[in-house]
Amino acid sequence: MGVNRRPSAIRVEIGELVLDGFHADPARVSAAFESELARLVRQYGVPLAANGAVTVEALTGLPPLPAGLSARRLGQELARAVHDGLSGHGEVTP
């Protein structure tokens, strides 16, 4: 019988977010991004790290985001796109 073990801590470190063509307040985007990504990681985990620690240098192939989003919505959508990448969607550069 296997034991379903959840990690005691998950650490996601984002070195840089580059937002070209958006006119939203970067601090508000960042706050919404962090909050939504933390929620998604708590709720769904990080599937790419299911077998242990993983380091990802870049996530590419993620969907484009509309330029007219509010700072809050942009942060949320960006977090969802990043979490999708960490869930195995898009291309991962280890």
N, C-alpha and C. Protein backbone atom coordinates (compact mmCIF):
# COMPACT_ATOMS: atom_id res chain seq x y z
N MET A 1 0.84 -1.16 0.00
CA MET A 1 0.00 0.00 0.00
C MET A 1 0.90 1.24 0.00
N GLY A 2 0.66 2.16 -0.94
CA GLY A 2 1.46 3.37 -1.03
C GLY A 2 0.98 4.44 -0.07
N VAL A 3 1.85 5.33 0.23
CA VAL A 3 1.51 6.44 1.13
C VAL A 3 1.46 7.71 0.28
N ASN A 4 0.35 8.42 0.37
CA ASN A 4 0.21 9.68 -0.35
C ASN A 4 0.88 10.77 0.46
N ARG A 5 2.09 11.15 0.06
CA ARG A 5 2.86 12.14 0.82
C ARG A 5 2.85 13.47 0.10
N ARG A 6 2.44 14.50 0.81
CA ARG A 6 2.50 15.86 0.28
C ARG A 6 3.73 16.53 0.86
N PRO A 7 4.42 17.32 0.08
CA PRO A 7 5.60 18.01 0.62
C PRO A 7 5.20 18.96 1.74
N SER A 8 6.09 19.13 2.70
CA SER A 8 5.80 20.05 3.80
C SER A 8 5.92 21.50 3.37
N ALA A 9 6.64 21.75 2.28
CA ALA A 9 6.78 23.10 1.76
C ALA A 9 7.01 23.05 0.26
N ILE A 10 6.45 24.02 -0.43
CA ILE A 10 6.69 24.18 -1.86
C ILE A 10 7.23 25.58 -2.04
N ARG A 11 8.33 25.67 -2.75
CA ARG A 11 8.95 26.98 -2.98
C ARG A 11 9.00 27.22 -4.48
N VAL A 12 8.37 28.29 -4.91
CA VAL A 12 8.40 28.71 -6.30
C VAL A 12 9.08 30.06 -6.32
N GLU A 13 10.19 30.14 -7.00
CA GLU A 13 10.93 31.40 -7.07
C GLU A 13 10.89 31.91 -8.51
N ILE A 14 10.35 33.09 -8.69
CA ILE A 14 10.26 33.72 -10.00
C ILE A 14 11.31 34.82 -10.04
N GLY A 15 12.29 34.66 -10.89
CA GLY A 15 13.37 35.63 -10.98
C GLY A 15 12.93 36.94 -11.60
N GLU A 16 12.15 36.85 -12.68
CA GLU A 16 11.78 38.07 -13.39
C GLU A 16 10.50 37.83 -14.19
N LEU A 17 9.61 38.79 -14.14
CA LEU A 17 8.42 38.80 -14.99
C LEU A 17 8.57 39.99 -15.93
N VAL A 18 8.52 39.75 -17.20
CA VAL A 18 8.64 40.82 -18.18
C VAL A 18 7.27 41.04 -18.80
N LEU A 19 6.74 42.23 -18.66
CA LEU A 19 5.41 42.56 -19.15
C LEU A 19 5.51 43.69 -20.18
N ASP A 20 5.71 43.34 -21.42
CA ASP A 20 5.77 44.33 -22.49
C ASP A 20 4.37 44.63 -23.01
N GLY A 21 4.06 45.91 -23.19
CA GLY A 21 2.79 46.30 -23.78
C GLY A 21 1.65 46.45 -22.80
N PHE A 22 1.91 46.33 -21.51
CA PHE A 22 0.87 46.49 -20.50
C PHE A 22 1.06 47.81 -19.78
N HIS A 23 -0.06 48.43 -19.39
CA HIS A 23 0.01 49.73 -18.72
C HIS A 23 -0.51 49.66 -17.30
N ALA A 24 -0.42 48.50 -16.68
CA ALA A 24 -0.91 48.30 -15.32
C ALA A 24 0.20 48.58 -14.31
N ASP A 25 -0.19 48.92 -13.10
CA ASP A 25 0.74 49.18 -12.00
C ASP A 25 1.51 47.90 -11.66
N PRO A 26 2.83 47.88 -11.85
CA PRO A 26 3.61 46.66 -11.61
C PRO A 26 3.49 46.11 -10.19
N ALA A 27 3.39 46.97 -9.19
CA ALA A 27 3.27 46.50 -7.80
C ALA A 27 1.95 45.75 -7.60
N ARG A 28 0.87 46.26 -8.18
CA ARG A 28 -0.44 45.60 -8.06
C ARG A 28 -0.47 44.30 -8.86
N VAL A 29 0.17 44.29 -10.03
CA VAL A 29 0.26 43.06 -10.82
C VAL A 29 1.01 42.01 -10.02
N SER A 30 2.13 42.40 -9.43
CA SER A 30 2.96 41.48 -8.66
C SER A 30 2.20 40.92 -7.46
N ALA A 31 1.47 41.78 -6.74
CA ALA A 31 0.72 41.32 -5.57
C ALA A 31 -0.37 40.32 -5.97
N ALA A 32 -1.10 40.62 -7.05
CA ALA A 32 -2.15 39.72 -7.52
C ALA A 32 -1.54 38.41 -8.02
N PHE A 33 -0.40 38.50 -8.71
CA PHE A 33 0.30 37.32 -9.22
C PHE A 33 0.70 36.40 -8.06
N GLU A 34 1.36 36.97 -7.06
CA GLU A 34 1.82 36.17 -5.92
C GLU A 34 0.66 35.52 -5.19
N SER A 35 -0.41 36.27 -4.97
CA SER A 35 -1.56 35.74 -4.26
C SER A 35 -2.22 34.59 -5.03
N GLU A 36 -2.43 34.78 -6.31
CA GLU A 36 -3.09 33.74 -7.12
C GLU A 36 -2.18 32.52 -7.30
N LEU A 37 -0.89 32.72 -7.52
CA LEU A 37 0.00 31.57 -7.67
C LEU A 37 0.08 30.78 -6.37
N ALA A 38 0.13 31.45 -5.24
CA ALA A 38 0.14 30.75 -3.95
C ALA A 38 -1.14 29.94 -3.77
N ARG A 39 -2.27 30.51 -4.16
CA ARG A 39 -3.54 29.80 -4.05
C ARG A 39 -3.54 28.56 -4.94
N LEU A 40 -3.09 28.70 -6.17
CA LEU A 40 -3.06 27.56 -7.10
C LEU A 40 -2.12 26.46 -6.64
N VAL A 41 -0.96 26.85 -6.11
CA VAL A 41 0.01 25.86 -5.62
C VAL A 41 -0.56 25.13 -4.41
N ARG A 42 -1.21 25.87 -3.50
CA ARG A 42 -1.85 25.22 -2.34
C ARG A 42 -2.93 24.24 -2.79
N GLN A 43 -3.73 24.66 -3.75
CA GLN A 43 -4.86 23.85 -4.17
C GLN A 43 -4.45 22.67 -5.05
N TYR A 44 -3.52 22.89 -5.98
CA TYR A 44 -3.19 21.86 -6.98
C TYR A 44 -1.76 21.34 -6.91
N GLY A 45 -0.91 21.97 -6.11
CA GLY A 45 0.48 21.56 -6.06
C GLY A 45 1.24 21.99 -7.31
N VAL A 46 2.40 21.39 -7.50
CA VAL A 46 3.25 21.66 -8.66
C VAL A 46 3.53 20.31 -9.32
N PRO A 47 2.70 19.90 -10.28
CA PRO A 47 2.84 18.57 -10.88
C PRO A 47 4.23 18.25 -11.41
N LEU A 48 4.95 19.21 -11.96
CA LEU A 48 6.30 18.92 -12.48
C LEU A 48 7.25 18.50 -11.36
N ALA A 49 6.94 18.84 -10.13
CA ALA A 49 7.80 18.50 -8.99
C ALA A 49 7.26 17.32 -8.19
N ALA A 50 6.33 16.57 -8.76
CA ALA A 50 5.70 15.47 -8.03
C ALA A 50 6.71 14.42 -7.57
N ASN A 51 7.79 14.25 -8.31
CA ASN A 51 8.79 13.24 -7.95
C ASN A 51 10.00 13.82 -7.23
N GLY A 52 9.89 15.02 -6.76
CA GLY A 52 10.99 15.66 -6.05
C GLY A 52 11.26 17.05 -6.59
N ALA A 53 12.30 17.66 -6.08
CA ALA A 53 12.64 19.03 -6.46
C ALA A 53 12.93 19.13 -7.94
N VAL A 54 12.55 20.25 -8.52
CA VAL A 54 12.80 20.51 -9.93
C VAL A 54 13.14 21.99 -10.08
N THR A 55 14.06 22.27 -10.99
CA THR A 55 14.42 23.65 -11.30
C THR A 55 14.07 23.89 -12.76
N VAL A 56 13.31 24.94 -13.02
CA VAL A 56 12.91 25.29 -14.37
C VAL A 56 13.48 26.66 -14.67
N GLU A 57 14.23 26.77 -15.75
CA GLU A 57 14.83 28.05 -16.11
C GLU A 57 13.84 28.96 -16.84
N ALA A 58 12.98 28.38 -17.67
CA ALA A 58 12.03 29.20 -18.42
C ALA A 58 10.81 28.38 -18.78
N LEU A 59 9.69 29.06 -18.84
CA LEU A 59 8.45 28.47 -19.34
C LEU A 59 8.09 29.23 -20.60
N THR A 60 7.91 28.52 -21.70
CA THR A 60 7.53 29.17 -22.95
C THR A 60 6.32 28.45 -23.52
N GLY A 61 5.77 29.00 -24.58
CA GLY A 61 4.62 28.40 -25.22
C GLY A 61 3.33 28.61 -24.44
N LEU A 62 3.33 29.58 -23.53
CA LEU A 62 2.14 29.88 -22.75
C LEU A 62 1.24 30.84 -23.55
N PRO A 63 -0.05 30.85 -23.28
CA PRO A 63 -0.96 31.69 -24.06
C PRO A 63 -0.71 33.17 -23.85
N PRO A 64 -0.94 33.98 -24.90
CA PRO A 64 -0.80 35.43 -24.75
C PRO A 64 -1.94 35.98 -23.89
N LEU A 65 -1.68 37.09 -23.24
CA LEU A 65 -2.68 37.74 -22.40
C LEU A 65 -3.10 39.06 -23.04
N PRO A 66 -4.37 39.42 -22.97
CA PRO A 66 -4.84 40.69 -23.54
C PRO A 66 -4.20 41.89 -22.83
N ALA A 67 -3.81 42.89 -23.58
CA ALA A 67 -3.11 44.05 -23.03
C ALA A 67 -3.99 44.94 -22.16
N GLY A 68 -5.31 44.89 -22.30
CA GLY A 68 -6.19 45.81 -21.58
C GLY A 68 -6.66 45.34 -20.22
N LEU A 69 -6.06 44.29 -19.66
CA LEU A 69 -6.50 43.78 -18.36
C LEU A 69 -6.13 44.73 -17.23
N SER A 70 -6.94 44.73 -16.16
CA SER A 70 -6.59 45.49 -14.95
C SER A 70 -5.37 44.84 -14.31
N ALA A 71 -4.72 45.54 -13.41
CA ALA A 71 -3.54 45.01 -12.74
C ALA A 71 -3.88 43.72 -12.00
N ARG A 72 -5.01 43.70 -11.29
CA ARG A 72 -5.41 42.52 -10.54
C ARG A 72 -5.67 41.34 -11.47
N ARG A 73 -6.42 41.58 -12.51
CA ARG A 73 -6.76 40.51 -13.45
C ARG A 73 -5.51 40.03 -14.20
N LEU A 74 -4.64 40.95 -14.57
CA LEU A 74 -3.40 40.58 -15.26
C LEU A 74 -2.55 39.69 -14.37
N GLY A 75 -2.41 40.05 -13.10
CA GLY A 75 -1.64 39.23 -12.17
C GLY A 75 -2.24 37.84 -12.01
N GLN A 76 -3.56 37.76 -11.91
CA GLN A 76 -4.23 36.47 -11.77
C GLN A 76 -4.04 35.61 -13.02
N GLU A 77 -4.25 36.20 -14.18
CA GLU A 77 -4.11 35.44 -15.43
C GLU A 77 -2.67 35.00 -15.67
N LEU A 78 -1.74 35.85 -15.32
CA LEU A 78 -0.33 35.50 -15.45
C LEU A 78 0.02 34.35 -14.52
N ALA A 79 -0.48 34.38 -13.29
CA ALA A 79 -0.24 33.28 -12.34
C ALA A 79 -0.83 31.98 -12.86
N ARG A 80 -2.01 32.05 -13.45
CA ARG A 80 -2.64 30.84 -14.01
C ARG A 80 -1.81 30.29 -15.16
N ALA A 81 -1.28 31.17 -15.99
CA ALA A 81 -0.44 30.73 -17.11
C ALA A 81 0.85 30.08 -16.60
N VAL A 82 1.46 30.67 -15.58
CA VAL A 82 2.68 30.10 -15.00
C VAL A 82 2.36 28.76 -14.35
N HIS A 83 1.27 28.68 -13.61
CA HIS A 83 0.91 27.41 -12.97
C HIS A 83 0.62 26.35 -14.02
N ASP A 84 -0.03 26.73 -15.12
CA ASP A 84 -0.25 25.78 -16.22
C ASP A 84 1.09 25.25 -16.71
N GLY A 85 2.08 26.13 -16.84
CA GLY A 85 3.42 25.69 -17.25
C GLY A 85 4.03 24.74 -16.25
N LEU A 86 3.84 25.02 -14.97
CA LEU A 86 4.37 24.14 -13.93
C LEU A 86 3.57 22.85 -13.80
N SER A 87 2.45 22.80 -14.50
CA SER A 87 1.61 21.60 -14.52
C SER A 87 1.89 20.74 -15.74
N GLY A 88 2.89 21.15 -16.54
CA GLY A 88 3.26 20.35 -17.70
C GLY A 88 2.76 20.86 -19.02
N HIS A 89 2.09 22.01 -19.03
CA HIS A 89 1.64 22.62 -20.28
C HIS A 89 2.68 23.63 -20.72
N GLY A 90 2.85 23.83 -21.99
CA GLY A 90 3.88 24.73 -22.49
C GLY A 90 5.21 23.99 -22.55
N GLU A 91 6.25 24.69 -22.92
CA GLU A 91 7.58 24.10 -23.01
C GLU A 91 8.41 24.53 -21.82
N VAL A 92 9.09 23.57 -21.23
CA VAL A 92 9.91 23.83 -20.04
C VAL A 92 11.36 23.71 -20.41
N THR A 93 12.16 24.70 -20.01
CA THR A 93 13.61 24.65 -20.19
C THR A 93 14.23 24.36 -18.83
N PRO A 94 14.71 23.10 -18.61
CA PRO A 94 15.30 22.78 -17.30
C PRO A 94 16.65 23.44 -17.10
